[in-house]
């Protein structure tokens, strides 16, 4: 079975670019080096794809996308890093849960995890090319209609 994830990733990328939080510092795939001059940046990558349900005519899938938000760990004052990441990650999750329409074949966000893991965020640190970043990973479980194809 082949999942068509490109449109899912592009829909999330378009939302993040339009959000105004990251300027043009949004990438599909994890960056390999520090983002020059960006206060906040984001990356989008796939976590998993599963078949959530099938009907006689279509396949309903769950695509779990990770939205990773980066902030230079050495920025000052230190507490502002936590406040800013907390505010931005909360706003993004609220917008996605609310009225925002990701379009394409994305039906909705599986907020409570009816088909598996629900929406959530975890915090951590990552080193990119020798520069440390404070990060927030938002796990975004999307219910997607009929992007998988079956082959014999």
C-alpha atoms as a PDB file:
ATOM      1  CA  UNK A   1       0.000   0.000   0.000  1.00  0.00           C
ATOM      2  CA  UNK A   2       1.321   3.433  -0.913  1.00  0.00           C
ATOM      3  CA  UNK A   3       0.326   6.547   1.013  1.00  0.00           C
ATOM      4  CA  UNK A   4       0.423   9.889  -0.778  1.00  0.00           C
ATOM      5  CA  UNK A   5       1.931  12.079   1.921  1.00  0.00           C
ATOM      6  CA  UNK A   6       3.155  14.987  -0.213  1.00  0.00           C
ATOM      7  CA  UNK A   7      -0.169  16.851  -0.170  1.00  0.00           C
ATOM      8  CA  UNK A   8      -0.492  16.324   3.597  1.00  0.00           C
ATOM      9  CA  UNK A   9       2.965  17.814   4.244  1.00  0.00           C
ATOM     10  CA  UNK A  10       2.341  20.682   1.805  1.00  0.00           C
ATOM     11  CA  UNK A  11      -0.962  21.557   3.512  1.00  0.00           C
ATOM     12  CA  UNK A  12       0.748  21.814   6.917  1.00  0.00           C
ATOM     13  CA  UNK A  13       3.647  23.770   5.383  1.00  0.00           C
ATOM     14  CA  UNK A  14       1.222  26.267   3.798  1.00  0.00           C
ATOM     15  CA  UNK A  15      -0.536  26.761   7.131  1.00  0.00           C
ATOM     16  CA  UNK A  16       2.745  27.416   8.980  1.00  0.00           C
ATOM     17  CA  UNK A  17       3.995  29.855   6.332  1.00  0.00           C
ATOM     18  CA  UNK A  18       0.699  31.766   6.526  1.00  0.00           C
ATOM     19  CA  UNK A  19       0.723  31.793  10.344  1.00  0.00           C
ATOM     20  CA  UNK A  20       3.269  34.626  10.459  1.00  0.00           C
ATOM     21  CA  UNK A  21       5.302  33.085  13.278  1.00  0.00           C
ATOM     22  CA  UNK A  22       8.224  31.881  11.180  1.00  0.00           C
ATOM     23  CA  UNK A  23       8.551  34.203   8.185  1.00  0.00           C
ATOM     24  CA  UNK A  24       9.902  31.991   5.428  1.00  0.00           C
ATOM     25  CA  UNK A  25      11.753  29.738   7.904  1.00  0.00           C
ATOM     26  CA  UNK A  26       9.554  26.678   7.406  1.00  0.00           C
ATOM     27  CA  UNK A  27      10.990  23.521   5.866  1.00  0.00           C
ATOM     28  CA  UNK A  28       9.707  20.097   4.974  1.00  0.00           C
ATOM     29  CA  UNK A  29      12.245  17.716   6.491  1.00  0.00           C
ATOM     30  CA  UNK A  30      14.617  18.308   9.346  1.00  0.00           C
ATOM     31  CA  UNK A  31      17.282  20.959   8.806  1.00  0.00           C
ATOM     32  CA  UNK A  32      20.896  19.795   8.736  1.00  0.00           C
ATOM     33  CA  UNK A  33      22.415  23.104   9.827  1.00  0.00           C
ATOM     34  CA  UNK A  34      21.396  26.155  11.878  1.00  0.00           C
ATOM     35  CA  UNK A  35      18.880  28.538  10.378  1.00  0.00           C
ATOM     36  CA  UNK A  36      20.662  31.874   9.858  1.00  0.00           C
ATOM     37  CA  UNK A  37      19.163  34.858  11.637  1.00  0.00           C
ATOM     38  CA  UNK A  38      15.825  33.270  12.485  1.00  0.00           C
ATOM     39  CA  UNK A  39      14.320  33.800  15.907  1.00  0.00           C
ATOM     40  CA  UNK A  40      11.819  31.010  15.341  1.00  0.00           C
ATOM     41  CA  UNK A  41      11.845  28.362  12.667  1.00  0.00           C
ATOM     42  CA  UNK A  42       9.807  25.242  11.975  1.00  0.00           C
ATOM     43  CA  UNK A  43      10.257  21.904  10.282  1.00  0.00           C
ATOM     44  CA  UNK A  44       7.608  19.414   9.242  1.00  0.00           C
ATOM     45  CA  UNK A  45       8.178  15.693   8.911  1.00  0.00           C
ATOM     46  CA  UNK A  46       6.160  12.486   8.936  1.00  0.00           C
ATOM     47  CA  UNK A  47       5.851  10.447  12.084  1.00  0.00           C
ATOM     48  CA  UNK A  48       3.699   7.615  10.790  1.00  0.00           C
ATOM     49  CA  UNK A  49       0.935   6.573   8.419  1.00  0.00           C
ATOM     50  CA  UNK A  50      -1.677   3.941   9.208  1.00  0.00           C
ATOM     51  CA  UNK A  51      -4.997   2.746   7.865  1.00  0.00           C
ATOM     52  CA  UNK A  52      -7.605   3.913  10.340  1.00  0.00           C
ATOM     53  CA  UNK A  53     -10.673   2.503   8.620  1.00  0.00           C
ATOM     54  CA  UNK A  54     -11.880   1.071   5.352  1.00  0.00           C
ATOM     55  CA  UNK A  55     -15.229   1.183   3.605  1.00  0.00           C
ATOM     56  CA  UNK A  56     -16.360  -0.547   0.456  1.00  0.00           C
ATOM     57  CA  UNK A  57     -15.198   2.414  -1.602  1.00  0.00           C
ATOM     58  CA  UNK A  58     -12.354   4.141   0.254  1.00  0.00           C
ATOM     59  CA  UNK A  59      -9.536   3.991   2.744  1.00  0.00           C
ATOM     60  CA  UNK A  60      -9.453   6.380   5.696  1.00  0.00           C
ATOM     61  CA  UNK A  61      -5.948   6.993   7.007  1.00  0.00           C
ATOM     62  CA  UNK A  62      -4.202   8.595   9.935  1.00  0.00           C
ATOM     63  CA  UNK A  63      -1.087  10.587   9.052  1.00  0.00           C
ATOM     64  CA  UNK A  64       0.853  11.737  12.090  1.00  0.00           C
ATOM     65  CA  UNK A  65       2.903  14.791  11.176  1.00  0.00           C
ATOM     66  CA  UNK A  66       5.483  16.322  13.496  1.00  0.00           C
ATOM     67  CA  UNK A  67       5.761  20.084  13.556  1.00  0.00           C
ATOM     68  CA  UNK A  68       9.080  20.963  15.202  1.00  0.00           C
ATOM     69  CA  UNK A  69       9.520  24.551  16.378  1.00  0.00           C
ATOM     70  CA  UNK A  70      13.113  25.712  16.952  1.00  0.00           C
ATOM     71  CA  UNK A  71      14.488  28.601  19.051  1.00  0.00           C
ATOM     72  CA  UNK A  72      18.177  29.339  19.701  1.00  0.00           C
ATOM     73  CA  UNK A  73      18.842  27.959  23.187  1.00  0.00           C
ATOM     74  CA  UNK A  74      21.360  30.704  24.006  1.00  0.00           C
ATOM     75  CA  UNK A  75      18.961  33.589  23.353  1.00  0.00           C
ATOM     76  CA  UNK A  76      18.537  36.035  26.207  1.00  0.00           C
ATOM     77  CA  UNK A  77      16.695  36.352  28.463  1.00  0.00           C
ATOM     78  CA  UNK A  78      16.402  32.593  28.945  1.00  0.00           C
ATOM     79  CA  UNK A  79      12.852  32.709  30.277  1.00  0.00           C
ATOM     80  CA  UNK A  80      11.687  34.423  27.094  1.00  0.00           C
ATOM     81  CA  UNK A  81      12.567  31.251  25.136  1.00  0.00           C
ATOM     82  CA  UNK A  82      10.112  29.197  27.191  1.00  0.00           C
ATOM     83  CA  UNK A  83       7.429  31.880  27.076  1.00  0.00           C
ATOM     84  CA  UNK A  84       7.736  32.364  23.315  1.00  0.00           C
ATOM     85  CA  UNK A  85       7.778  28.649  22.482  1.00  0.00           C
ATOM     86  CA  UNK A  86       4.862  28.047  24.837  1.00  0.00           C
ATOM     87  CA  UNK A  87       2.795  30.814  23.289  1.00  0.00           C
ATOM     88  CA  UNK A  88       3.533  29.893  19.680  1.00  0.00           C
ATOM     89  CA  UNK A  89       2.987  26.148  20.155  1.00  0.00           C
ATOM     90  CA  UNK A  90      -0.259  26.810  22.018  1.00  0.00           C
ATOM     91  CA  UNK A  91      -1.481  29.240  19.342  1.00  0.00           C
ATOM     92  CA  UNK A  92      -0.659  26.829  16.523  1.00  0.00           C
ATOM     93  CA  UNK A  93      -2.459  23.959  18.245  1.00  0.00           C
ATOM     94  CA  UNK A  94      -5.477  26.154  19.006  1.00  0.00           C
ATOM     95  CA  UNK A  95      -5.648  27.389  15.402  1.00  0.00           C
ATOM     96  CA  UNK A  96      -5.406  23.871  14.026  1.00  0.00           C
ATOM     97  CA  UNK A  97      -8.050  22.547  16.420  1.00  0.00           C
ATOM     98  CA  UNK A  98     -10.366  25.473  15.698  1.00  0.00           C
ATOM     99  CA  UNK A  99     -11.789  26.611  12.420  1.00  0.00           C
ATOM    100  CA  UNK A 100      -8.672  26.213  10.328  1.00  0.00           C
ATOM    101  CA  UNK A 101      -9.127  24.058   7.211  1.00  0.00           C
ATOM    102  CA  UNK A 102      -6.009  22.292   5.953  1.00  0.00           C
ATOM    103  CA  UNK A 103      -7.779  21.334   2.725  1.00  0.00           C
ATOM    104  CA  UNK A 104      -6.648  18.617   0.307  1.00  0.00           C
ATOM    105  CA  UNK A 105      -7.945  15.227   1.450  1.00  0.00           C
ATOM    106  CA  UNK A 106      -7.473  16.057   5.159  1.00  0.00           C
ATOM    107  CA  UNK A 107     -10.791  15.456   6.868  1.00  0.00           C
ATOM    108  CA  UNK A 108      -9.909  16.606  10.372  1.00  0.00           C
ATOM    109  CA  UNK A 109      -7.417  16.454  13.220  1.00  0.00           C
ATOM    110  CA  UNK A 110      -7.727  13.423  15.491  1.00  0.00           C
ATOM    111  CA  UNK A 111      -7.373  15.617  18.590  1.00  0.00           C
ATOM    112  CA  UNK A 112      -8.307  13.009  21.193  1.00  0.00           C
ATOM    113  CA  UNK A 113      -6.692  10.068  19.421  1.00  0.00           C
ATOM    114  CA  UNK A 114      -9.727   8.066  18.346  1.00  0.00           C
ATOM    115  CA  UNK A 115      -7.509   6.208  15.841  1.00  0.00           C
ATOM    116  CA  UNK A 116      -4.348   6.134  17.977  1.00  0.00           C
ATOM    117  CA  UNK A 117      -2.233   8.865  19.539  1.00  0.00           C
ATOM    118  CA  UNK A 118      -3.931  12.225  20.019  1.00  0.00           C
ATOM    119  CA  UNK A 119      -2.587  15.704  19.448  1.00  0.00           C
ATOM    120  CA  UNK A 120       0.110  16.800  21.881  1.00  0.00           C
ATOM    121  CA  UNK A 121       3.432  18.548  22.337  1.00  0.00           C
ATOM    122  CA  UNK A 122       6.759  17.516  23.824  1.00  0.00           C
ATOM    123  CA  UNK A 123       9.702  19.763  24.643  1.00  0.00           C
ATOM    124  CA  UNK A 124      13.386  19.081  24.264  1.00  0.00           C
ATOM    125  CA  UNK A 125      16.735  20.157  22.834  1.00  0.00           C
ATOM    126  CA  UNK A 126      18.481  19.415  19.547  1.00  0.00           C
ATOM    127  CA  UNK A 127      21.945  20.174  18.165  1.00  0.00           C
ATOM    128  CA  UNK A 128      22.036  21.421  14.564  1.00  0.00           C
ATOM    129  CA  UNK A 129      25.541  21.757  13.186  1.00  0.00           C
ATOM    130  CA  UNK A 130      27.002  22.584  16.599  1.00  0.00           C
ATOM    131  CA  UNK A 131      24.269  25.046  17.625  1.00  0.00           C
ATOM    132  CA  UNK A 132      21.828  24.058  20.378  1.00  0.00           C
ATOM    133  CA  UNK A 133      18.119  24.747  19.992  1.00  0.00           C
ATOM    134  CA  UNK A 134      15.216  24.519  22.390  1.00  0.00           C
ATOM    135  CA  UNK A 135      12.417  22.719  20.550  1.00  0.00           C
ATOM    136  CA  UNK A 136       8.747  21.877  20.783  1.00  0.00           C
ATOM    137  CA  UNK A 137       7.481  18.892  18.797  1.00  0.00           C
ATOM    138  CA  UNK A 138       3.773  19.093  18.052  1.00  0.00           C
ATOM    139  CA  UNK A 139       2.327  15.720  17.132  1.00  0.00           C
ATOM    140  CA  UNK A 140      -0.438  16.373  14.621  1.00  0.00           C
ATOM    141  CA  UNK A 141      -2.640  13.318  13.920  1.00  0.00           C
ATOM    142  CA  UNK A 142      -4.564  13.969  10.708  1.00  0.00           C
ATOM    143  CA  UNK A 143      -7.465  11.917   9.402  1.00  0.00           C
ATOM    144  CA  UNK A 144      -7.040  11.715   5.646  1.00  0.00           C
ATOM    145  CA  UNK A 145      -9.557  10.416   3.135  1.00  0.00           C
ATOM    146  CA  UNK A 146      -8.494   8.078   0.402  1.00  0.00           C
ATOM    147  CA  UNK A 147      -4.866   8.968  -0.353  1.00  0.00           C
ATOM    148  CA  UNK A 148      -3.644   5.362  -0.164  1.00  0.00           C
ATOM    149  CA  UNK A 149      -3.587   3.129  -3.194  1.00  0.00           C
ATOM    150  CA  UNK A 150      -3.800  -0.637  -3.108  1.00  0.00           C
ATOM    151  CA  UNK A 151      -1.650  -2.731  -5.395  1.00  0.00           C
ATOM    152  CA  UNK A 152      -1.598  -6.461  -5.941  1.00  0.00           C
END
